[in-house]
Amino acid sequence: ENVHDRALEFEPIHRVLFNMKADPIQALRQY
């Protein structure tokens, strides 16, 4: 396909974490 195709749209791919053992906010702050 042509990347410039008028009907082709790039959509984001989101992330989901399952069965976390720690708080993601705290982990991000620490990192």
Full PDB file with SEQRES, HELIX, SHEET, SSBOND, CRYST1, ORIGX, SCALE, CONECT and MASTER records, all heavy atoms in Angstrom:
SEQRES   1 A   31  GLU ASN VAL HIS ASP ARG ALA LEU GLU PHE GLU PRO ILE          
SEQRES   2 A   31  HIS ARG VAL LEU PHE ASN MET LYS ALA ASP PRO ILE GLN          
SEQRES   3 A   31  ALA LEU ARG GLN TYR                                          
HELIX    1 AA1 PRO A   24  GLN A   30  1                                   7    
CRYST1    1.000    1.000    1.000  90.00  90.00  90.00 P 1           1          
ORIGX1      1.000000  0.000000  0.000000        0.00000                         
ORIGX2      0.000000  1.000000  0.000000        0.00000                         
ORIGX3      0.000000  0.000000  1.000000        0.00000                         
SCALE1      1.000000  0.000000  0.000000        0.00000                         
SCALE2      0.000000  1.000000  0.000000        0.00000                         
SCALE3      0.000000  0.000000  1.000000        0.00000                         
ATOM      1  N   GLU A   1       0.847  -1.189   0.000  1.00  0.00           N  
ATOM      2  CA  GLU A   1       0.000   0.000   0.000  1.00  0.00           C  
ATOM      3  C   GLU A   1       0.887   1.246   0.000  1.00  0.00           C  
ATOM      4  O   GLU A   1       2.063   1.187   0.386  1.00  0.00           O  
ATOM      5  CB  GLU A   1      -0.928   0.021   1.216  1.00  0.00           C  
ATOM      6  CG  GLU A   1      -1.941  -1.116   1.220  1.00  0.00           C  
ATOM      7  CD  GLU A   1      -2.966  -0.999   2.332  1.00  0.00           C  
ATOM      8  OE1 GLU A   1      -2.821  -0.089   3.187  1.00  0.00           O  
ATOM      9  OE2 GLU A   1      -3.910  -1.795   2.365  1.00  0.00           O  
ATOM     10  N   ASN A   2       0.314   2.355  -0.421  1.00  0.00           N  
ATOM     11  CA  ASN A   2       1.020   3.634  -0.437  1.00  0.00           C  
ATOM     12  C   ASN A   2       0.798   4.341   0.895  1.00  0.00           C  
ATOM     13  O   ASN A   2      -0.346   4.513   1.329  1.00  0.00           O  
ATOM     14  CB  ASN A   2       0.489   4.492  -1.593  1.00  0.00           C  
ATOM     15  CG  ASN A   2       1.244   5.797  -1.767  1.00  0.00           C  
ATOM     16  OD1 ASN A   2       2.222   6.076  -1.064  1.00  0.00           O  
ATOM     17  ND2 ASN A   2       0.787   6.620  -2.691  1.00  0.00           N  
ATOM     18  N   VAL A   3       1.871   4.756   1.554  1.00  0.00           N  
ATOM     19  CA  VAL A   3       1.727   5.444   2.840  1.00  0.00           C  
ATOM     20  C   VAL A   3       0.892   6.715   2.691  1.00  0.00           C  
ATOM     21  O   VAL A   3       0.298   7.200   3.662  1.00  0.00           O  
ATOM     22  CB  VAL A   3       3.109   5.742   3.457  1.00  0.00           C  
ATOM     23  CG1 VAL A   3       3.807   6.874   2.723  1.00  0.00           C  
ATOM     24  CG2 VAL A   3       3.001   6.045   4.940  1.00  0.00           C  
ATOM     25  N   HIS A   4       0.811   7.245   1.478  1.00  0.00           N  
ATOM     26  CA  HIS A   4       0.032   8.452   1.229  1.00  0.00           C  
ATOM     27  C   HIS A   4      -1.413   8.150   0.815  1.00  0.00           C  
ATOM     28  O   HIS A   4      -2.136   9.087   0.453  1.00  0.00           O  
ATOM     29  CB  HIS A   4       0.705   9.300   0.148  1.00  0.00           C  
ATOM     30  CG  HIS A   4       2.082   9.739   0.506  1.00  0.00           C  
ATOM     31  ND1 HIS A   4       2.341  10.785   1.367  1.00  0.00           N  
ATOM     32  CD2 HIS A   4       3.296   9.241   0.138  1.00  0.00           C  
ATOM     33  CE1 HIS A   4       3.651  10.928   1.502  1.00  0.00           C  
ATOM     34  NE2 HIS A   4       4.251  10.012   0.771  1.00  0.00           N  
ATOM     35  N   ASP A   5      -1.813   6.885   0.865  1.00  0.00           N  
ATOM     36  CA  ASP A   5      -3.195   6.537   0.517  1.00  0.00           C  
ATOM     37  C   ASP A   5      -4.153   7.391   1.340  1.00  0.00           C  
ATOM     38  O   ASP A   5      -4.038   7.490   2.562  1.00  0.00           O  
ATOM     39  CB  ASP A   5      -3.435   5.047   0.805  1.00  0.00           C  
ATOM     40  CG  ASP A   5      -4.756   4.537   0.236  1.00  0.00           C  
ATOM     41  OD1 ASP A   5      -5.809   5.071   0.663  1.00  0.00           O  
ATOM     42  OD2 ASP A   5      -4.732   3.646  -0.612  1.00  0.00           O  
ATOM     43  N   ARG A   6      -5.115   7.998   0.662  1.00  0.00           N  
ATOM     44  CA  ARG A   6      -6.030   8.934   1.334  1.00  0.00           C  
ATOM     45  C   ARG A   6      -6.865   8.258   2.418  1.00  0.00           C  
ATOM     46  O   ARG A   6      -7.361   8.929   3.334  1.00  0.00           O  
ATOM     47  CB  ARG A   6      -6.953   9.595   0.300  1.00  0.00           C  
ATOM     48  CG  ARG A   6      -7.725   8.594  -0.558  1.00  0.00           C  
ATOM     49  CD  ARG A   6      -8.412   9.261  -1.744  1.00  0.00           C  
ATOM     50  NE  ARG A   6      -9.055   8.297  -2.634  1.00  0.00           N  
ATOM     51  CZ  ARG A   6      -8.432   7.714  -3.649  1.00  0.00           C  
ATOM     52  NH1 ARG A   6      -7.165   7.990  -3.892  1.00  0.00           N  
ATOM     53  NH2 ARG A   6      -9.076   6.845  -4.419  1.00  0.00           N  
ATOM     54  N   ALA A   7      -7.033   6.947   2.339  1.00  0.00           N  
ATOM     55  CA  ALA A   7      -7.849   6.247   3.333  1.00  0.00           C  
ATOM     56  C   ALA A   7      -7.020   5.602   4.442  1.00  0.00           C  
ATOM     57  O   ALA A   7      -7.585   5.051   5.385  1.00  0.00           O  
ATOM     58  CB  ALA A   7      -8.704   5.165   2.652  1.00  0.00           C  
ATOM     59  N   LEU A   8      -5.698   5.675   4.324  1.00  0.00           N  
ATOM     60  CA  LEU A   8      -4.835   5.042   5.327  1.00  0.00           C  
ATOM     61  C   LEU A   8      -4.589   6.003   6.479  1.00  0.00           C  
ATOM     62  O   LEU A   8      -4.104   7.113   6.285  1.00  0.00           O  
ATOM     63  CB  LEU A   8      -3.506   4.639   4.688  1.00  0.00           C  
ATOM     64  CG  LEU A   8      -2.442   4.064   5.634  1.00  0.00           C  
ATOM     65  CD1 LEU A   8      -2.958   2.820   6.329  1.00  0.00           C  
ATOM     66  CD2 LEU A   8      -1.159   3.766   4.863  1.00  0.00           C  
ATOM     67  N   GLU A   9      -4.926   5.567   7.674  1.00  0.00           N  
ATOM     68  CA  GLU A   9      -4.713   6.382   8.863  1.00  0.00           C  
ATOM     69  C   GLU A   9      -3.856   5.610   9.858  1.00  0.00           C  
ATOM     70  O   GLU A   9      -4.056   4.419  10.067  1.00  0.00           O  
ATOM     71  CB  GLU A   9      -6.056   6.751   9.505  1.00  0.00           C  
ATOM     72  CG  GLU A   9      -6.943   7.605   8.602  1.00  0.00           C  
ATOM     73  CD  GLU A   9      -8.292   7.908   9.237  1.00  0.00           C  
ATOM     74  OE1 GLU A   9      -8.509   7.484  10.386  1.00  0.00           O  
ATOM     75  OE2 GLU A   9      -9.118   8.562   8.579  1.00  0.00           O  
ATOM     76  N   PHE A  10      -2.901   6.300  10.451  1.00  0.00           N  
ATOM     77  CA  PHE A  10      -2.099   5.711  11.506  1.00  0.00           C  
ATOM     78  C   PHE A  10      -2.811   5.912  12.840  1.00  0.00           C  
ATOM     79  O   PHE A  10      -3.137   7.040  13.209  1.00  0.00           O  
ATOM     80  CB  PHE A  10      -0.718   6.362  11.562  1.00  0.00           C  
ATOM     81  CG  PHE A  10       0.264   5.799  10.570  1.00  0.00           C  
ATOM     82  CD1 PHE A  10      -0.151   4.991   9.524  1.00  0.00           C  
ATOM     83  CD2 PHE A  10       1.618   6.078  10.682  1.00  0.00           C  
ATOM     84  CE1 PHE A  10       0.751   4.475   8.614  1.00  0.00           C  
ATOM     85  CE2 PHE A  10       2.533   5.577   9.781  1.00  0.00           C  
ATOM     86  CZ  PHE A  10       2.107   4.776   8.742  1.00  0.00           C  
ATOM     87  N   GLU A  11      -3.041   4.834  13.531  1.00  0.00           N  
ATOM     88  CA  GLU A  11      -3.673   4.878  14.845  1.00  0.00           C  
ATOM     89  C   GLU A  11      -2.654   4.469  15.902  1.00  0.00           C  
ATOM     90  O   GLU A  11      -1.738   3.684  15.631  1.00  0.00           O  
ATOM     91  CB  GLU A  11      -4.879   3.938  14.897  1.00  0.00           C  
ATOM     92  CG  GLU A  11      -5.964   4.237  13.875  1.00  0.00           C  
ATOM     93  CD  GLU A  11      -6.733   5.505  14.191  1.00  0.00           C  
ATOM     94  OE1 GLU A  11      -6.599   6.010  15.326  1.00  0.00           O  
ATOM     95  OE2 GLU A  11      -7.448   5.998  13.307  1.00  0.00           O  
ATOM     96  N   PRO A  12      -2.798   4.987  17.124  1.00  0.00           N  
ATOM     97  CA  PRO A  12      -1.880   4.580  18.196  1.00  0.00           C  
ATOM     98  C   PRO A  12      -2.162   3.163  18.667  1.00  0.00           C  
ATOM     99  O   PRO A  12      -3.286   2.652  18.523  1.00  0.00           O  
ATOM    100  CB  PRO A  12      -2.169   5.599  19.297  1.00  0.00           C  
ATOM    101  CG  PRO A  12      -3.592   6.010  19.070  1.00  0.00           C  
ATOM    102  CD  PRO A  12      -3.795   5.973  17.581  1.00  0.00           C  
ATOM    103  N   ILE A  13      -1.146   2.537  19.214  1.00  0.00           N  
ATOM    104  CA  ILE A  13      -1.302   1.235  19.874  1.00  0.00           C  
ATOM    105  C   ILE A  13      -1.051   1.459  21.358  1.00  0.00           C  
ATOM    106  O   ILE A  13       0.032   1.879  21.764  1.00  0.00           O  
ATOM    107  CB  ILE A  13      -0.323   0.194  19.315  1.00  0.00           C  
ATOM    108  CG1 ILE A  13      -0.516   0.039  17.801  1.00  0.00           C  
ATOM    109  CG2 ILE A  13      -0.523  -1.150  20.010  1.00  0.00           C  
ATOM    110  CD1 ILE A  13       0.452  -0.941  17.166  1.00  0.00           C  
ATOM    111  N   HIS A  14      -2.066   1.216  22.159  1.00  0.00           N  
ATOM    112  CA  HIS A  14      -1.980   1.457  23.594  1.00  0.00           C  
ATOM    113  C   HIS A  14      -1.440   0.228  24.325  1.00  0.00           C  
ATOM    114  O   HIS A  14      -1.433  -0.882  23.795  1.00  0.00           O  
ATOM    115  CB  HIS A  14      -3.359   1.840  24.139  1.00  0.00           C  
ATOM    116  CG  HIS A  14      -4.030   2.919  23.333  1.00  0.00           C  
ATOM    117  ND1 HIS A  14      -3.498   4.177  23.186  1.00  0.00           N  
ATOM    118  CD2 HIS A  14      -5.182   2.904  22.601  1.00  0.00           C  
ATOM    119  CE1 HIS A  14      -4.292   4.909  22.427  1.00  0.00           C  
ATOM    120  NE2 HIS A  14      -5.305   4.160  22.042  1.00  0.00           N  
ATOM    121  N   ARG A  15      -0.996   0.437  25.535  1.00  0.00           N  
ATOM    122  CA  ARG A  15      -0.458  -0.641  26.365  1.00  0.00           C  
ATOM    123  C   ARG A  15      -1.378  -0.898  27.544  1.00  0.00           C  
ATOM    124  O   ARG A  15      -1.915   0.048  28.135  1.00  0.00           O  
ATOM    125  CB  ARG A  15       0.920  -0.264  26.911  1.00  0.00           C  
ATOM    126  CG  ARG A  15       2.078  -0.463  25.928  1.00  0.00           C  
ATOM    127  CD  ARG A  15       2.183   0.602  24.909  1.00  0.00           C  
ATOM    128  NE  ARG A  15       3.421   0.459  24.133  1.00  0.00           N  
ATOM    129  CZ  ARG A  15       3.520   0.629  22.828  1.00  0.00           C  
ATOM    130  NH1 ARG A  15       2.461   0.975  22.110  1.00  0.00           N  
ATOM    131  NH2 ARG A  15       4.682   0.488  22.213  1.00  0.00           N  
ATOM    132  N   VAL A  16      -1.543  -2.166  27.902  1.00  0.00           N  
ATOM    133  CA  VAL A  16      -2.281  -2.535  29.116  1.00  0.00           C  
ATOM    134  C   VAL A  16      -1.427  -3.511  29.910  1.00  0.00           C  
ATOM    135  O   VAL A  16      -0.906  -4.490  29.351  1.00  0.00           O  
ATOM    136  CB  VAL A  16      -3.645  -3.177  28.798  1.00  0.00           C  
ATOM    137  CG1 VAL A  16      -4.355  -3.580  30.090  1.00  0.00           C  
ATOM    138  CG2 VAL A  16      -4.526  -2.221  27.994  1.00  0.00           C  
ATOM    139  N   LEU A  17      -1.262  -3.221  31.204  1.00  0.00           N  
ATOM    140  CA  LEU A  17      -0.578  -4.142  32.113  1.00  0.00           C  
ATOM    141  C   LEU A  17      -1.616  -4.883  32.935  1.00  0.00           C  
ATOM    142  O   LEU A  17      -2.597  -4.297  33.410  1.00  0.00           O  
ATOM    143  CB  LEU A  17       0.369  -3.384  33.038  1.00  0.00           C  
ATOM    144  CG  LEU A  17       1.556  -2.676  32.381  1.00  0.00           C  
ATOM    145  CD1 LEU A  17       2.402  -1.999  33.443  1.00  0.00           C  
ATOM    146  CD2 LEU A  17       2.392  -3.645  31.562  1.00  0.00           C  
ATOM    147  N   PHE A  18      -1.390  -6.185  33.106  1.00  0.00           N  
ATOM    148  CA  PHE A  18      -2.310  -7.040  33.850  1.00  0.00           C  
ATOM    149  C   PHE A  18      -1.604  -7.587  35.098  1.00  0.00           C  
ATOM    150  O   PHE A  18      -0.407  -7.879  35.077  1.00  0.00           O  
ATOM    151  CB  PHE A  18      -2.761  -8.223  32.981  1.00  0.00           C  
ATOM    152  CG  PHE A  18      -3.441  -7.820  31.701  1.00  0.00           C  
ATOM    153  CD1 PHE A  18      -2.699  -7.534  30.563  1.00  0.00           C  
ATOM    154  CD2 PHE A  18      -4.823  -7.726  31.630  1.00  0.00           C  
ATOM    155  CE1 PHE A  18      -3.314  -7.169  29.375  1.00  0.00           C  
ATOM    156  CE2 PHE A  18      -5.450  -7.358  30.446  1.00  0.00           C  
ATOM    157  CZ  PHE A  18      -4.697  -7.081  29.320  1.00  0.00           C  
ATOM    158  N   ASN A  19      -2.361  -7.730  36.163  1.00  0.00           N  
ATOM    159  CA  ASN A  19      -1.863  -8.383  37.385  1.00  0.00           C  
ATOM    160  C   ASN A  19      -0.592  -7.716  37.923  1.00  0.00           C  
ATOM    161  O   ASN A  19       0.389  -8.386  38.271  1.00  0.00           O  
ATOM    162  CB  ASN A  19      -1.598  -9.874  37.128  1.00  0.00           C  
ATOM    163  CG  ASN A  19      -2.821 -10.578  36.578  1.00  0.00           C  
ATOM    164  OD1 ASN A  19      -3.932 -10.408  37.091  1.00  0.00           O  
ATOM    165  ND2 ASN A  19      -2.636 -11.359  35.525  1.00  0.00           N  
ATOM    166  N   MET A  20      -0.639  -6.390  38.006  1.00  0.00           N  
ATOM    167  CA  MET A  20       0.515  -5.656  38.533  1.00  0.00           C  
ATOM    168  C   MET A  20       0.716  -5.951  40.017  1.00  0.00           C  
ATOM    169  O   MET A  20      -0.247  -6.149  40.755  1.00  0.00           O  
ATOM    170  CB  MET A  20       0.314  -4.155  38.344  1.00  0.00           C  
ATOM    171  CG  MET A  20       0.256  -3.683  36.917  1.00  0.00           C  
ATOM    172  SD  MET A  20       0.046  -1.881  36.849  1.00  0.00           S  
ATOM    173  CE  MET A  20      -1.502  -1.698  37.739  1.00  0.00           C  
ATOM    174  N   LYS A  21       1.976  -5.931  40.428  1.00  0.00           N  
ATOM    175  CA  LYS A  21       2.325  -6.160  41.828  1.00  0.00           C  
ATOM    176  C   LYS A  21       2.786  -4.879  42.524  1.00  0.00           C  
ATOM    177  O   LYS A  21       3.192  -4.909  43.684  1.00  0.00           O  
ATOM    178  CB  LYS A  21       3.404  -7.232  41.918  1.00  0.00           C  
ATOM    179  CG  LYS A  21       2.988  -8.576  41.323  1.00  0.00           C  
ATOM    180  CD  LYS A  21       4.137  -9.580  41.353  1.00  0.00           C  
ATOM    181  CE  LYS A  21       3.703 -10.928  40.791  1.00  0.00           C  
ATOM    182  NZ  LYS A  21       3.362 -10.820  39.349  1.00  0.00           N  
ATOM    183  N   ALA A  22       2.772  -3.752  41.786  1.00  0.00           N  
ATOM    184  CA  ALA A  22       3.203  -2.475  42.346  1.00  0.00           C  
ATOM    185  C   ALA A  22       2.434  -1.346  41.669  1.00  0.00           C  
ATOM    186  O   ALA A  22       1.783  -1.549  40.641  1.00  0.00           O  
ATOM    187  CB  ALA A  22       4.711  -2.291  42.161  1.00  0.00           C  
ATOM    188  N   ASP A  23       2.518  -0.160  42.238  1.00  0.00           N  
ATOM    189  CA  ASP A  23       1.807   1.005  41.730  1.00  0.00           C  
ATOM    190  C   ASP A  23       2.559   1.605  40.539  1.00  0.00           C  
ATOM    191  O   ASP A  23       3.743   1.955  40.659  1.00  0.00           O  
ATOM    192  CB  ASP A  23       1.693   2.043  42.856  1.00  0.00           C  
ATOM    193  CG  ASP A  23       1.045   3.332  42.401  1.00  0.00           C  
ATOM    194  OD1 ASP A  23       0.339   3.308  41.375  1.00  0.00           O  
ATOM    195  OD2 ASP A  23       1.241   4.365  43.081  1.00  0.00           O  
ATOM    196  N   PRO A  24       1.914   1.750  39.360  1.00  0.00           N  
ATOM    197  CA  PRO A  24       2.624   2.291  38.197  1.00  0.00           C  
ATOM    198  C   PRO A  24       3.075   3.739  38.390  1.00  0.00           C  
ATOM    199  O   PRO A  24       4.127   4.127  37.871  1.00  0.00           O  
ATOM    200  CB  PRO A  24       1.597   2.174  37.067  1.00  0.00           C  
ATOM    201  CG  PRO A  24       0.266   2.101  37.748  1.00  0.00           C  
ATOM    202  CD  PRO A  24       0.518   1.393  39.034  1.00  0.00           C  
ATOM    203  N   ILE A  25       2.292   4.544  39.125  1.00  0.00           N  
ATOM    204  CA  ILE A  25       2.686   5.938  39.358  1.00  0.00           C  
ATOM    205  C   ILE A  25       3.995   5.990  40.149  1.00  0.00           C  
ATOM    206  O   ILE A  25       4.924   6.738  39.815  1.00  0.00           O  
ATOM    207  CB  ILE A  25       1.581   6.703  40.119  1.00  0.00           C  
ATOM    208  CG1 ILE A  25       0.251   6.659  39.346  1.00  0.00           C  
ATOM    209  CG2 ILE A  25       2.021   8.135  40.396  1.00  0.00           C  
ATOM    210  CD1 ILE A  25       0.264   7.438  38.064  1.00  0.00           C  
ATOM    211  N   GLN A  26       4.068   5.195  41.190  1.00  0.00           N  
ATOM    212  CA  GLN A  26       5.267   5.158  42.005  1.00  0.00           C  
ATOM    213  C   GLN A  26       6.466   4.642  41.200  1.00  0.00           C  
ATOM    214  O   GLN A  26       7.595   5.155  41.306  1.00  0.00           O  
ATOM    215  CB  GLN A  26       5.054   4.272  43.238  1.00  0.00           C  
ATOM    216  CG  GLN A  26       6.236   4.206  44.193  1.00  0.00           C  
ATOM    217  CD  GLN A  26       6.623   5.581  44.740  1.00  0.00           C  
ATOM    218  OE1 GLN A  26       5.757   6.423  44.983  1.00  0.00           O  
ATOM    219  NE2 GLN A  26       7.922   5.811  44.906  1.00  0.00           N  
ATOM    220  N   ALA A  27       6.223   3.632  40.365  1.00  0.00           N  
ATOM    221  CA  ALA A  27       7.310   3.080  39.547  1.00  0.00           C  
ATOM    222  C   ALA A  27       7.824   4.113  38.555  1.00  0.00           C  
ATOM    223  O   ALA A  27       9.036   4.226  38.322  1.00  0.00           O  
ATOM    224  CB  ALA A  27       6.824   1.832  38.818  1.00  0.00           C  
ATOM    225  N   LEU A  28       6.912   4.880  37.965  1.00  0.00           N  
ATOM    226  CA  LEU A  28       7.321   5.930  37.032  1.00  0.00           C  
ATOM    227  C   LEU A  28       8.115   7.025  37.741  1.00  0.00           C  
ATOM    228  O   LEU A  28       9.121   7.518  37.216  1.00  0.00           O  
ATOM    229  CB  LEU A  28       6.090   6.524  36.346  1.00  0.00           C  
ATOM    230  CG  LEU A  28       5.469   5.690  35.228  1.00  0.00           C  
ATOM    231  CD1 LEU A  28       4.026   6.120  34.968  1.00  0.00           C  
ATOM    232  CD2 LEU A  28       6.295   5.829  33.946  1.00  0.00           C  
ATOM    233  N   ARG A  29       7.666   7.418  38.934  1.00  0.00           N  
ATOM    234  CA  ARG A  29       8.394   8.437  39.700  1.00  0.00           C  
ATOM    235  C   ARG A  29       9.817   7.968  40.013  1.00  0.00           C  
ATOM    236  O   ARG A  29      10.783   8.730  39.917  1.00  0.00           O  
ATOM    237  CB  ARG A  29       7.666   8.738  41.010  1.00  0.00           C  
ATOM    238  CG  ARG A  29       6.408   9.580  40.862  1.00  0.00           C  
ATOM    239  CD  ARG A  29       5.947  10.060  42.229  1.00  0.00           C  
ATOM    240  NE  ARG A  29       4.637  10.680  42.170  1.00  0.00           N  
ATOM    241  CZ  ARG A  29       4.410  11.933  41.775  1.00  0.00           C  
ATOM    242  NH1 ARG A  29       5.448  12.687  41.376  1.00  0.00           N  
ATOM    243  NH2 ARG A  29       3.190  12.419  41.761  1.00  0.00           N  
ATOM    244  N   GLN A  30       9.919   6.737  40.387  1.00  0.00           N  
ATOM    245  CA  GLN A  30      11.230   6.202  40.741  1.00  0.00           C  
ATOM    246  C   GLN A  30      12.145   6.146  39.506  1.00  0.00           C  
ATOM    247  O   GLN A  30      13.352   6.401  39.601  1.00  0.00           O  
ATOM    248  CB  GLN A  30      11.076   4.800  41.334  1.00  0.00           C  
ATOM    249  CG  GLN A  30      12.374   4.189  41.816  1.00  0.00           C  
ATOM    250  CD  GLN A  30      12.148   2.866  42.538  1.00  0.00           C  
ATOM    251  OE1 GLN A  30      11.008   2.516  42.901  1.00  0.00           O  
ATOM    252  NE2 GLN A  30      13.222   2.123  42.747  1.00  0.00           N  
ATOM    253  N   TYR A  31      11.573   5.852  38.350  1.00  0.00           N  
ATOM    254  CA  TYR A  31      12.364   5.692  37.127  1.00  0.00           C  
ATOM    255  C   TYR A  31      12.794   7.042  36.551  1.00  0.00           C  
ATOM    256  O   TYR A  31      13.951   7.227  36.160  1.00  0.00           O  
ATOM    257  CB  TYR A  31      11.540   4.913  36.102  1.00  0.00           C  
ATOM    258  CG  TYR A  31      12.296   4.527  34.850  1.00  0.00           C  
ATOM    259  CD1 TYR A  31      13.099   3.388  34.824  1.00  0.00           C  
ATOM    260  CD2 TYR A  31      12.207   5.293  33.694  1.00  0.00           C  
ATOM    261  CE1 TYR A  31      13.792   3.028  33.679  1.00  0.00           C  
ATOM    262  CE2 TYR A  31      12.896   4.943  32.540  1.00  0.00           C  
ATOM    263  CZ  TYR A  31      13.684   3.812  32.537  1.00  0.00           C  
ATOM    264  OH  TYR A  31      14.376   3.458  31.404  1.00  0.00           O  
TER     265      TYR A  31                                                      
MASTER        0    0    0    1    0    0    0    6  264    1    0    3          
END                                                                             
